[in-house]
Amino acid sequence: VKDTAVTTKAYADNGTTLDVSGLDDAAIKAATGGTTGAPTVTGGAVKFDADNNKYFV
């Protein structure tokens, strides 16, 4: 799903973590409480919206 905002908690609730490659490390850590996800998310590039503290896929 493109252009849909999903919080990191929503990903965690679904048992899926984010592909954080290429994202700003500080923003990722702020959004995920100091940790980063390992597995990837299917459906395209993952982008972080720092203003809304959400990821877009």
C-alpha atoms as a PDB file:
ATOM      1  CA  VAL A   1       0.000   0.000   0.000  1.00  0.00           C
ATOM      2  CA  LYS A   2       1.559   3.250  -1.096  1.00  0.00           C
ATOM      3  CA  ASP A   3       1.327   6.594   0.704  1.00  0.00           C
ATOM      4  CA  THR A   4      -0.276   5.105   3.791  1.00  0.00           C
ATOM      5  CA  ALA A   5       0.981   6.230   7.181  1.00  0.00           C
ATOM      6  CA  VAL A   6       1.665   3.378   9.567  1.00  0.00           C
ATOM      7  CA  THR A   7       3.092   3.794  13.038  1.00  0.00           C
ATOM      8  CA  THR A   8       5.949   1.619  14.228  1.00  0.00           C
ATOM      9  CA  LYS A   9       3.597   0.203  16.867  1.00  0.00           C
ATOM     10  CA  ALA A  10       1.221  -0.938  14.144  1.00  0.00           C
ATOM     11  CA  TYR A  11       4.047  -2.799  12.451  1.00  0.00           C
ATOM     12  CA  ALA A  12       5.052  -4.384  15.747  1.00  0.00           C
ATOM     13  CA  ASP A  13       1.465  -5.420  16.459  1.00  0.00           C
ATOM     14  CA  ASN A  14       1.371  -7.159  13.089  1.00  0.00           C
ATOM     15  CA  GLY A  15       4.610  -9.003  13.815  1.00  0.00           C
ATOM     16  CA  THR A  16       6.462  -7.091  11.121  1.00  0.00           C
ATOM     17  CA  THR A  17       9.422  -4.799  11.583  1.00  0.00           C
ATOM     18  CA  LEU A  18      10.710  -2.166   9.209  1.00  0.00           C
ATOM     19  CA  ASP A  19      13.424  -2.098   6.591  1.00  0.00           C
ATOM     20  CA  VAL A  20      15.333   0.880   7.942  1.00  0.00           C
ATOM     21  CA  SER A  21      18.105   0.972   5.342  1.00  0.00           C
ATOM     22  CA  GLY A  22      18.762   4.475   4.067  1.00  0.00           C
ATOM     23  CA  LEU A  23      16.744   6.182   6.789  1.00  0.00           C
ATOM     24  CA  ASP A  24      18.116   8.712   9.234  1.00  0.00           C
ATOM     25  CA  ASP A  25      19.414   6.805  12.261  1.00  0.00           C
ATOM     26  CA  ALA A  26      18.390   9.442  14.804  1.00  0.00           C
ATOM     27  CA  ALA A  27      14.852   9.601  13.416  1.00  0.00           C
ATOM     28  CA  ILE A  28      14.560   5.820  13.425  1.00  0.00           C
ATOM     29  CA  LYS A  29      15.727   5.541  17.011  1.00  0.00           C
ATOM     30  CA  ALA A  30      13.350   8.296  18.088  1.00  0.00           C
ATOM     31  CA  ALA A  31      10.431   6.566  16.380  1.00  0.00           C
ATOM     32  CA  THR A  32      11.199   3.065  17.592  1.00  0.00           C
ATOM     33  CA  GLY A  33      12.253   3.828  21.132  1.00  0.00           C
ATOM     34  CA  GLY A  34      15.956   3.319  20.552  1.00  0.00           C
ATOM     35  CA  THR A  35      15.888   0.178  18.410  1.00  0.00           C
ATOM     36  CA  THR A  36      15.652  -0.570  14.710  1.00  0.00           C
ATOM     37  CA  GLY A  37      13.886  -3.351  12.855  1.00  0.00           C
ATOM     38  CA  ALA A  38      15.667  -6.032  10.868  1.00  0.00           C
ATOM     39  CA  PRO A  39      13.238  -7.669   8.404  1.00  0.00           C
ATOM     40  CA  THR A  40      12.011  -5.719   5.411  1.00  0.00           C
ATOM     41  CA  VAL A  41       8.548  -4.474   4.582  1.00  0.00           C
ATOM     42  CA  THR A  42       7.217  -5.490   1.178  1.00  0.00           C
ATOM     43  CA  GLY A  43       5.507  -3.113  -1.200  1.00  0.00           C
ATOM     44  CA  GLY A  44       8.193  -0.551  -1.914  1.00  0.00           C
ATOM     45  CA  ALA A  45      10.541   1.883  -0.266  1.00  0.00           C
ATOM     46  CA  VAL A  46      10.031   2.814   3.353  1.00  0.00           C
ATOM     47  CA  LYS A  47      10.136   6.512   4.216  1.00  0.00           C
ATOM     48  CA  PHE A  48      10.115   8.126   7.631  1.00  0.00           C
ATOM     49  CA  ASP A  49       8.059  11.252   8.306  1.00  0.00           C
ATOM     50  CA  ALA A  50       9.807  12.886  11.253  1.00  0.00           C
ATOM     51  CA  ASP A  51       7.087  15.518  11.678  1.00  0.00           C
ATOM     52  CA  ASN A  52       4.388  12.904  12.216  1.00  0.00           C
ATOM     53  CA  ASN A  53       6.651  10.215  13.678  1.00  0.00           C
ATOM     54  CA  LYS A  54       5.344   7.677  11.158  1.00  0.00           C
ATOM     55  CA  TYR A  55       6.664   5.474   8.401  1.00  0.00           C
ATOM     56  CA  PHE A  56       5.245   5.402   4.887  1.00  0.00           C
ATOM     57  CA  VAL A  57       5.400   2.332   2.618  1.00  0.00           C
END
